[in-house]
């Protein structure tokens, strides 16, 4: 775990600060637009990075997953790729507020036309929280930020996975959080590029079918796929389960 967060003065014109990992991550987000929830925290938790590794967070948004990973793993270097200039500004500010600006770099750019600053095949791990809905399969939210975060644009899921393959070193690992009902699309996108697949269902409550899943897959991996017991997010009576609390509040890794 990193040391105490260095206070960074907040402008009177900035929105209120949200907190993740029990205050270890400080997050400014647009008040009327897309707001990160628990999905990026789980994504960071399943990304088994180590000190000295380079991790690419594709579609970093305001930086939630990138910052959670950097706070949890001292010495890891994280690069966030984000298409929106306004989101990049939030992410850079959030890295300052969370005390990890020396290890989190935000690059503005499009995965369909990657900026030269990223290079290729140089990352140990790629993590991503792609838009969950297919283009044309859902009504577009009126807010353009929410629309871009929730509904696929020019880049579909296969493009996101293909880009991850380009950015990863041989045998590098891709981690992702997505909707459980997109599993067919996910498997199709991974086929031929990634193997050694591990699926982690996120059960909303005991006895309730999973709406989200986490996955880890290795570039060029050949091990058989695994479906884990998953993680139950909430107790039947409400509130987070002890296992979820350890990830969401105590910054524990989700070991698979």
C-alpha atoms as a PDB file:
ATOM      1  CA  UNK A   1       0.000   0.000   0.000  1.00  0.00           C
ATOM      2  CA  UNK A   2       1.201   3.508  -0.717  1.00  0.00           C
ATOM      3  CA  UNK A   3       1.850   6.053   1.985  1.00  0.00           C
ATOM      4  CA  UNK A   4      -0.434   8.931   2.956  1.00  0.00           C
ATOM      5  CA  UNK A   5      -1.982  10.911   0.110  1.00  0.00           C
ATOM      6  CA  UNK A   6      -0.368  14.301  -0.322  1.00  0.00           C
ATOM      7  CA  UNK A   7      -3.112  16.946  -0.084  1.00  0.00           C
ATOM      8  CA  UNK A   8      -3.721  18.805  -3.343  1.00  0.00           C
ATOM      9  CA  UNK A   9      -5.685  22.061  -3.099  1.00  0.00           C
ATOM     10  CA  UNK A  10      -9.082  21.870  -4.783  1.00  0.00           C
ATOM     11  CA  UNK A  11     -10.457  24.743  -6.815  1.00  0.00           C
ATOM     12  CA  UNK A  12     -13.785  26.251  -5.766  1.00  0.00           C
ATOM     13  CA  UNK A  13     -15.019  25.630  -9.317  1.00  0.00           C
ATOM     14  CA  UNK A  14     -14.327  21.879  -9.222  1.00  0.00           C
ATOM     15  CA  UNK A  15     -17.066  19.338  -8.466  1.00  0.00           C
ATOM     16  CA  UNK A  16     -17.048  17.525  -5.121  1.00  0.00           C
ATOM     17  CA  UNK A  17     -14.492  14.764  -4.656  1.00  0.00           C
ATOM     18  CA  UNK A  18     -15.715  11.153  -4.648  1.00  0.00           C
ATOM     19  CA  UNK A  19     -13.720   8.503  -2.817  1.00  0.00           C
ATOM     20  CA  UNK A  20     -12.808   4.919  -3.712  1.00  0.00           C
ATOM     21  CA  UNK A  21     -10.879   2.334  -1.678  1.00  0.00           C
ATOM     22  CA  UNK A  22     -11.915   3.956   1.588  1.00  0.00           C
ATOM     23  CA  UNK A  23     -10.476   7.322   0.588  1.00  0.00           C
ATOM     24  CA  UNK A  24      -7.201   6.114  -0.901  1.00  0.00           C
ATOM     25  CA  UNK A  25      -8.425   7.185  -4.361  1.00  0.00           C
ATOM     26  CA  UNK A  26      -9.857  10.662  -4.798  1.00  0.00           C
ATOM     27  CA  UNK A  27     -11.992  11.142  -7.872  1.00  0.00           C
ATOM     28  CA  UNK A  28     -13.351  14.306  -9.448  1.00  0.00           C
ATOM     29  CA  UNK A  29     -16.137  13.460 -11.904  1.00  0.00           C
ATOM     30  CA  UNK A  30     -18.549  15.529 -13.985  1.00  0.00           C
ATOM     31  CA  UNK A  31     -21.581  16.234 -11.838  1.00  0.00           C
ATOM     32  CA  UNK A  32     -24.142  15.744 -14.597  1.00  0.00           C
ATOM     33  CA  UNK A  33     -22.349  13.173 -16.747  1.00  0.00           C
ATOM     34  CA  UNK A  34     -20.942   9.670 -16.508  1.00  0.00           C
ATOM     35  CA  UNK A  35     -19.771   8.637 -13.038  1.00  0.00           C
ATOM     36  CA  UNK A  36     -17.623   5.629 -12.220  1.00  0.00           C
ATOM     37  CA  UNK A  37     -19.098   3.079  -9.820  1.00  0.00           C
ATOM     38  CA  UNK A  38     -17.702  -0.208  -8.508  1.00  0.00           C
ATOM     39  CA  UNK A  39     -16.921  -1.916 -11.842  1.00  0.00           C
ATOM     40  CA  UNK A  40     -13.507  -0.227 -12.316  1.00  0.00           C
ATOM     41  CA  UNK A  41     -12.568  -1.081  -8.728  1.00  0.00           C
ATOM     42  CA  UNK A  42     -13.188  -4.774  -9.399  1.00  0.00           C
ATOM     43  CA  UNK A  43     -11.308  -4.479 -12.699  1.00  0.00           C
ATOM     44  CA  UNK A  44      -8.243  -3.108 -10.929  1.00  0.00           C
ATOM     45  CA  UNK A  45      -8.533  -5.813  -8.278  1.00  0.00           C
ATOM     46  CA  UNK A  46      -8.392  -8.652 -10.820  1.00  0.00           C
ATOM     47  CA  UNK A  47      -5.412  -7.103 -12.623  1.00  0.00           C
ATOM     48  CA  UNK A  48      -2.553  -8.980 -10.967  1.00  0.00           C
ATOM     49  CA  UNK A  49       0.155  -6.428 -11.668  1.00  0.00           C
ATOM     50  CA  UNK A  50       3.467  -6.275  -9.826  1.00  0.00           C
ATOM     51  CA  UNK A  51       5.948  -3.511  -9.096  1.00  0.00           C
ATOM     52  CA  UNK A  52       7.923  -2.593 -12.192  1.00  0.00           C
ATOM     53  CA  UNK A  53       5.256  -3.735 -14.657  1.00  0.00           C
ATOM     54  CA  UNK A  54       3.639  -1.453 -17.243  1.00  0.00           C
ATOM     55  CA  UNK A  55      -0.160  -1.563 -17.463  1.00  0.00           C
ATOM     56  CA  UNK A  56      -2.366   0.081 -20.080  1.00  0.00           C
ATOM     57  CA  UNK A  57      -5.887   1.104 -19.042  1.00  0.00           C
ATOM     58  CA  UNK A  58      -7.892   1.463 -22.258  1.00  0.00           C
ATOM     59  CA  UNK A  59     -10.732   3.974 -22.086  1.00  0.00           C
ATOM     60  CA  UNK A  60      -9.556   5.221 -18.725  1.00  0.00           C
ATOM     61  CA  UNK A  61     -12.247   7.907 -18.402  1.00  0.00           C
ATOM     62  CA  UNK A  62     -11.634   9.868 -15.209  1.00  0.00           C
ATOM     63  CA  UNK A  63      -9.014   7.315 -14.188  1.00  0.00           C
ATOM     64  CA  UNK A  64     -10.859   5.202 -11.616  1.00  0.00           C
ATOM     65  CA  UNK A  65      -9.396   1.794 -12.523  1.00  0.00           C
ATOM     66  CA  UNK A  66      -5.917   3.162 -13.234  1.00  0.00           C
ATOM     67  CA  UNK A  67      -5.786   4.962  -9.889  1.00  0.00           C
ATOM     68  CA  UNK A  68      -7.126   2.000  -7.920  1.00  0.00           C
ATOM     69  CA  UNK A  69      -4.406  -0.192  -9.410  1.00  0.00           C
ATOM     70  CA  UNK A  70      -1.645   2.359  -8.812  1.00  0.00           C
ATOM     71  CA  UNK A  71      -2.722   2.830  -5.188  1.00  0.00           C
ATOM     72  CA  UNK A  72      -2.955  -0.917  -4.553  1.00  0.00           C
ATOM     73  CA  UNK A  73       0.367  -1.861  -6.216  1.00  0.00           C
ATOM     74  CA  UNK A  74       3.315   0.379  -5.295  1.00  0.00           C
ATOM     75  CA  UNK A  75       5.836   0.546  -8.127  1.00  0.00           C
ATOM     76  CA  UNK A  76       3.449  -0.337 -10.949  1.00  0.00           C
ATOM     77  CA  UNK A  77       3.399   2.111 -13.885  1.00  0.00           C
ATOM     78  CA  UNK A  78      -0.012   2.769 -15.447  1.00  0.00           C
ATOM     79  CA  UNK A  79      -0.840   4.502 -18.727  1.00  0.00           C
ATOM     80  CA  UNK A  80      -4.448   5.509 -19.319  1.00  0.00           C
ATOM     81  CA  UNK A  81      -5.653   5.938 -22.902  1.00  0.00           C
ATOM     82  CA  UNK A  82      -8.713   8.156 -23.280  1.00  0.00           C
ATOM     83  CA  UNK A  83     -10.352   9.683 -26.337  1.00  0.00           C
ATOM     84  CA  UNK A  84     -12.100  12.585 -24.616  1.00  0.00           C
ATOM     85  CA  UNK A  85      -9.961  15.607 -23.767  1.00  0.00           C
ATOM     86  CA  UNK A  86     -12.236  16.591 -20.865  1.00  0.00           C
ATOM     87  CA  UNK A  87     -11.983  13.106 -19.352  1.00  0.00           C
ATOM     88  CA  UNK A  88      -8.192  13.228 -19.702  1.00  0.00           C
ATOM     89  CA  UNK A  89      -8.139  16.477 -17.740  1.00  0.00           C
ATOM     90  CA  UNK A  90     -10.176  14.873 -14.942  1.00  0.00           C
ATOM     91  CA  UNK A  91      -7.934  11.793 -14.906  1.00  0.00           C
ATOM     92  CA  UNK A  92      -4.737  13.831 -14.634  1.00  0.00           C
ATOM     93  CA  UNK A  93      -6.203  15.926 -11.849  1.00  0.00           C
ATOM     94  CA  UNK A  94      -7.352  12.774 -10.055  1.00  0.00           C
ATOM     95  CA  UNK A  95      -3.861  11.294 -10.250  1.00  0.00           C
ATOM     96  CA  UNK A  96      -2.616  14.431  -8.474  1.00  0.00           C
ATOM     97  CA  UNK A  97      -5.332  14.239  -5.849  1.00  0.00           C
ATOM     98  CA  UNK A  98      -4.607  10.554  -5.213  1.00  0.00           C
ATOM     99  CA  UNK A  99      -0.871  11.056  -4.904  1.00  0.00           C
ATOM    100  CA  UNK A 100       0.149   8.805  -7.817  1.00  0.00           C
ATOM    101  CA  UNK A 101       0.806  11.308 -10.620  1.00  0.00           C
ATOM    102  CA  UNK A 102       4.401  10.064 -10.790  1.00  0.00           C
ATOM    103  CA  UNK A 103       3.184   6.599 -11.829  1.00  0.00           C
ATOM    104  CA  UNK A 104      -0.022   7.296 -13.769  1.00  0.00           C
ATOM    105  CA  UNK A 105       0.236   8.886 -17.216  1.00  0.00           C
ATOM    106  CA  UNK A 106      -2.843   9.840 -19.227  1.00  0.00           C
ATOM    107  CA  UNK A 107      -2.590   9.855 -23.025  1.00  0.00           C
ATOM    108  CA  UNK A 108      -5.289  11.374 -25.198  1.00  0.00           C
ATOM    109  CA  UNK A 109      -6.068   9.277 -28.246  1.00  0.00           C
ATOM    110  CA  UNK A 110      -8.266   6.807 -30.090  1.00  0.00           C
ATOM    111  CA  UNK A 111      -7.665   3.052 -29.985  1.00  0.00           C
ATOM    112  CA  UNK A 112      -8.555   2.905 -33.699  1.00  0.00           C
ATOM    113  CA  UNK A 113      -5.681   5.309 -34.429  1.00  0.00           C
ATOM    114  CA  UNK A 114      -3.322   4.884 -31.459  1.00  0.00           C
ATOM    115  CA  UNK A 115      -0.996   7.781 -30.645  1.00  0.00           C
ATOM    116  CA  UNK A 116       2.687   7.163 -31.263  1.00  0.00           C
ATOM    117  CA  UNK A 117       3.367   7.708 -27.555  1.00  0.00           C
ATOM    118  CA  UNK A 118       1.953   4.244 -26.810  1.00  0.00           C
ATOM    119  CA  UNK A 119       4.283   2.321 -29.102  1.00  0.00           C
ATOM    120  CA  UNK A 120       3.271  -1.321 -29.520  1.00  0.00           C
ATOM    121  CA  UNK A 121       3.694  -4.613 -27.671  1.00  0.00           C
ATOM    122  CA  UNK A 122       5.274  -2.845 -24.720  1.00  0.00           C
ATOM    123  CA  UNK A 123       2.813  -3.516 -21.918  1.00  0.00           C
ATOM    124  CA  UNK A 124       2.798  -6.391 -19.454  1.00  0.00           C
ATOM    125  CA  UNK A 125      -0.941  -6.032 -18.905  1.00  0.00           C
ATOM    126  CA  UNK A 126      -3.908  -4.324 -20.516  1.00  0.00           C
ATOM    127  CA  UNK A 127      -7.115  -3.714 -18.599  1.00  0.00           C
ATOM    128  CA  UNK A 128     -10.370  -2.357 -19.990  1.00  0.00           C
ATOM    129  CA  UNK A 129     -13.975  -1.491 -19.159  1.00  0.00           C
ATOM    130  CA  UNK A 130     -15.452  -1.187 -22.673  1.00  0.00           C
ATOM    131  CA  UNK A 131     -18.904   0.243 -23.411  1.00  0.00           C
ATOM    132  CA  UNK A 132     -21.373  -2.461 -22.444  1.00  0.00           C
ATOM    133  CA  UNK A 133     -24.006  -2.030 -25.170  1.00  0.00           C
ATOM    134  CA  UNK A 134     -23.776  -2.675 -28.899  1.00  0.00           C
ATOM    135  CA  UNK A 135     -24.279   0.298 -31.201  1.00  0.00           C
ATOM    136  CA  UNK A 136     -27.902   0.413 -32.308  1.00  0.00           C
ATOM    137  CA  UNK A 137     -29.016  -2.026 -29.602  1.00  0.00           C
ATOM    138  CA  UNK A 138     -29.972   0.621 -27.054  1.00  0.00           C
ATOM    139  CA  UNK A 139     -31.265   4.164 -26.822  1.00  0.00           C
ATOM    140  CA  UNK A 140     -28.433   6.663 -26.633  1.00  0.00           C
ATOM    141  CA  UNK A 141     -28.267   8.630 -23.374  1.00  0.00           C
ATOM    142  CA  UNK A 142     -28.717  12.380 -23.984  1.00  0.00           C
ATOM    143  CA  UNK A 143     -25.392  13.131 -22.311  1.00  0.00           C
ATOM    144  CA  UNK A 144     -22.608  12.479 -24.825  1.00  0.00           C
ATOM    145  CA  UNK A 145     -20.172  11.360 -22.110  1.00  0.00           C
ATOM    146  CA  UNK A 146     -22.637   8.782 -20.786  1.00  0.00           C
ATOM    147  CA  UNK A 147     -23.358   7.696 -24.353  1.00  0.00           C
ATOM    148  CA  UNK A 148     -19.678   7.117 -25.117  1.00  0.00           C
ATOM    149  CA  UNK A 149     -19.174   5.220 -21.859  1.00  0.00           C
ATOM    150  CA  UNK A 150     -22.200   2.948 -22.263  1.00  0.00           C
ATOM    151  CA  UNK A 151     -22.751   2.385 -25.994  1.00  0.00           C
ATOM    152  CA  UNK A 152     -20.144   1.246 -28.527  1.00  0.00           C
ATOM    153  CA  UNK A 153     -19.151   3.832 -31.097  1.00  0.00           C
ATOM    154  CA  UNK A 154     -16.880   3.367 -34.096  1.00  0.00           C
ATOM    155  CA  UNK A 155     -14.847   0.830 -32.108  1.00  0.00           C
ATOM    156  CA  UNK A 156     -16.696  -2.368 -31.276  1.00  0.00           C
ATOM    157  CA  UNK A 157     -15.707  -4.985 -28.721  1.00  0.00           C
ATOM    158  CA  UNK A 158     -13.570  -6.874 -31.264  1.00  0.00           C
ATOM    159  CA  UNK A 159     -11.616  -3.663 -31.936  1.00  0.00           C
ATOM    160  CA  UNK A 160     -10.933  -3.216 -28.224  1.00  0.00           C
ATOM    161  CA  UNK A 161      -9.638  -6.779 -27.910  1.00  0.00           C
ATOM    162  CA  UNK A 162      -7.585  -6.536 -31.104  1.00  0.00           C
ATOM    163  CA  UNK A 163      -5.987  -3.338 -29.807  1.00  0.00           C
ATOM    164  CA  UNK A 164      -5.143  -5.035 -26.511  1.00  0.00           C
ATOM    165  CA  UNK A 165      -3.363  -7.769 -28.436  1.00  0.00           C
ATOM    166  CA  UNK A 166      -1.270  -5.171 -30.261  1.00  0.00           C
ATOM    167  CA  UNK A 167      -0.276  -3.413 -27.053  1.00  0.00           C
ATOM    168  CA  UNK A 168       0.664  -6.497 -25.026  1.00  0.00           C
ATOM    169  CA  UNK A 169       4.009  -8.203 -24.822  1.00  0.00           C
ATOM    170  CA  UNK A 170       4.035 -11.902 -25.755  1.00  0.00           C
ATOM    171  CA  UNK A 171       2.216 -13.827 -22.999  1.00  0.00           C
ATOM    172  CA  UNK A 172       0.878 -10.566 -21.593  1.00  0.00           C
ATOM    173  CA  UNK A 173      -2.478 -10.537 -19.816  1.00  0.00           C
ATOM    174  CA  UNK A 174      -5.766  -8.848 -20.679  1.00  0.00           C
ATOM    175  CA  UNK A 175      -8.299  -8.156 -17.914  1.00  0.00           C
ATOM    176  CA  UNK A 176     -11.815  -6.886 -18.546  1.00  0.00           C
ATOM    177  CA  UNK A 177     -15.128  -6.167 -16.861  1.00  0.00           C
ATOM    178  CA  UNK A 178     -18.245  -6.516 -19.006  1.00  0.00           C
ATOM    179  CA  UNK A 179     -21.882  -7.558 -19.036  1.00  0.00           C
ATOM    180  CA  UNK A 180     -22.512 -11.255 -18.571  1.00  0.00           C
ATOM    181  CA  UNK A 181     -24.975 -11.299 -21.476  1.00  0.00           C
ATOM    182  CA  UNK A 182     -22.160 -10.310 -23.873  1.00  0.00           C
ATOM    183  CA  UNK A 183     -20.235 -13.531 -23.193  1.00  0.00           C
ATOM    184  CA  UNK A 184     -20.748 -14.833 -26.748  1.00  0.00           C
ATOM    185  CA  UNK A 185     -19.304 -11.618 -28.197  1.00  0.00           C
ATOM    186  CA  UNK A 186     -16.413 -11.685 -25.735  1.00  0.00           C
ATOM    187  CA  UNK A 187     -15.451 -15.267 -26.550  1.00  0.00           C
ATOM    188  CA  UNK A 188     -15.657 -14.556 -30.267  1.00  0.00           C
ATOM    189  CA  UNK A 189     -13.405 -11.506 -29.922  1.00  0.00           C
ATOM    190  CA  UNK A 190     -10.823 -13.429 -27.873  1.00  0.00           C
ATOM    191  CA  UNK A 191     -10.666 -16.474 -30.147  1.00  0.00           C
ATOM    192  CA  UNK A 192      -7.368 -16.826 -31.975  1.00  0.00           C
ATOM    193  CA  UNK A 193      -5.701 -14.049 -29.994  1.00  0.00           C
ATOM    194  CA  UNK A 194      -6.071 -14.964 -26.331  1.00  0.00           C
ATOM    195  CA  UNK A 195      -6.306 -18.159 -24.316  1.00  0.00           C
ATOM    196  CA  UNK A 196      -5.960 -19.429 -20.740  1.00  0.00           C
ATOM    197  CA  UNK A 197      -9.265 -17.684 -20.075  1.00  0.00           C
ATOM    198  CA  UNK A 198     -10.497 -17.219 -16.495  1.00  0.00           C
ATOM    199  CA  UNK A 199     -14.087 -16.045 -15.968  1.00  0.00           C
ATOM    200  CA  UNK A 200     -15.241 -14.560 -12.658  1.00  0.00           C
ATOM    201  CA  UNK A 201     -19.017 -13.987 -12.353  1.00  0.00           C
ATOM    202  CA  UNK A 202     -20.110 -11.112 -10.128  1.00  0.00           C
ATOM    203  CA  UNK A 203     -23.296 -12.273  -8.403  1.00  0.00           C
ATOM    204  CA  UNK A 204     -25.421  -9.271  -7.282  1.00  0.00           C
ATOM    205  CA  UNK A 205     -26.856 -11.237  -4.320  1.00  0.00           C
ATOM    206  CA  UNK A 206     -27.044 -14.902  -3.293  1.00  0.00           C
ATOM    207  CA  UNK A 207     -29.290 -16.760  -5.723  1.00  0.00           C
ATOM    208  CA  UNK A 208     -29.403 -13.918  -8.280  1.00  0.00           C
ATOM    209  CA  UNK A 209     -27.887 -14.478 -11.721  1.00  0.00           C
ATOM    210  CA  UNK A 210     -24.767 -12.548 -12.640  1.00  0.00           C
ATOM    211  CA  UNK A 211     -25.171  -9.313 -14.580  1.00  0.00           C
ATOM    212  CA  UNK A 212     -21.433  -8.550 -14.721  1.00  0.00           C
ATOM    213  CA  UNK A 213     -18.339 -10.660 -15.129  1.00  0.00           C
ATOM    214  CA  UNK A 214     -14.618 -10.199 -14.853  1.00  0.00           C
ATOM    215  CA  UNK A 215     -12.167 -12.046 -17.042  1.00  0.00           C
ATOM    216  CA  UNK A 216      -8.456 -12.548 -17.451  1.00  0.00           C
ATOM    217  CA  UNK A 217      -6.902 -13.979 -20.611  1.00  0.00           C
ATOM    218  CA  UNK A 218      -3.327 -14.449 -21.782  1.00  0.00           C
ATOM    219  CA  UNK A 219      -2.030 -13.420 -25.179  1.00  0.00           C
ATOM    220  CA  UNK A 220      -1.210 -16.697 -26.913  1.00  0.00           C
ATOM    221  CA  UNK A 221      -2.267 -18.692 -23.847  1.00  0.00           C
ATOM    222  CA  UNK A 222      -3.086 -22.394 -24.254  1.00  0.00           C
ATOM    223  CA  UNK A 223      -4.312 -23.488 -20.822  1.00  0.00           C
ATOM    224  CA  UNK A 224      -7.928 -24.693 -20.535  1.00  0.00           C
ATOM    225  CA  UNK A 225     -10.563 -22.081 -19.709  1.00  0.00           C
ATOM    226  CA  UNK A 226     -11.748 -21.815 -16.103  1.00  0.00           C
ATOM    227  CA  UNK A 227     -15.072 -20.664 -14.681  1.00  0.00           C
ATOM    228  CA  UNK A 228     -14.500 -19.650 -11.058  1.00  0.00           C
ATOM    229  CA  UNK A 229     -16.972 -19.590  -8.194  1.00  0.00           C
ATOM    230  CA  UNK A 230     -17.102 -15.837  -8.629  1.00  0.00           C
ATOM    231  CA  UNK A 231     -17.843 -13.183  -6.058  1.00  0.00           C
ATOM    232  CA  UNK A 232     -21.155 -12.240  -4.440  1.00  0.00           C
ATOM    233  CA  UNK A 233     -21.295  -8.452  -4.262  1.00  0.00           C
ATOM    234  CA  UNK A 234     -24.162  -7.866  -1.800  1.00  0.00           C
ATOM    235  CA  UNK A 235     -25.551  -9.750   1.172  1.00  0.00           C
ATOM    236  CA  UNK A 236     -29.148 -10.965   0.971  1.00  0.00           C
ATOM    237  CA  UNK A 237     -30.173  -8.427   3.612  1.00  0.00           C
ATOM    238  CA  UNK A 238     -28.348  -5.572   1.876  1.00  0.00           C
ATOM    239  CA  UNK A 239     -24.909  -4.018   2.089  1.00  0.00           C
ATOM    240  CA  UNK A 240     -21.737  -5.338   0.574  1.00  0.00           C
ATOM    241  CA  UNK A 241     -20.611  -8.868   1.295  1.00  0.00           C
ATOM    242  CA  UNK A 242     -17.413  -9.327   3.333  1.00  0.00           C
ATOM    243  CA  UNK A 243     -15.562 -10.459   0.178  1.00  0.00           C
ATOM    244  CA  UNK A 244     -16.702  -7.372  -1.721  1.00  0.00           C
ATOM    245  CA  UNK A 245     -15.808  -5.109   1.214  1.00  0.00           C
ATOM    246  CA  UNK A 246     -12.255  -6.434   1.187  1.00  0.00           C
ATOM    247  CA  UNK A 247     -11.918  -5.415  -2.473  1.00  0.00           C
ATOM    248  CA  UNK A 248     -13.903  -2.169  -2.434  1.00  0.00           C
ATOM    249  CA  UNK A 249     -12.724  -0.748   0.900  1.00  0.00           C
ATOM    250  CA  UNK A 250      -9.547  -2.571   1.881  1.00  0.00           C
ATOM    251  CA  UNK A 251      -7.956  -2.553  -1.601  1.00  0.00           C
ATOM    252  CA  UNK A 252      -7.402  -6.305  -1.605  1.00  0.00           C
ATOM    253  CA  UNK A 253      -6.539  -8.028  -4.857  1.00  0.00           C
ATOM    254  CA  UNK A 254      -9.099 -10.427  -6.278  1.00  0.00           C
ATOM    255  CA  UNK A 255      -6.982 -13.562  -6.439  1.00  0.00           C
ATOM    256  CA  UNK A 256      -7.978 -16.051  -9.139  1.00  0.00           C
END
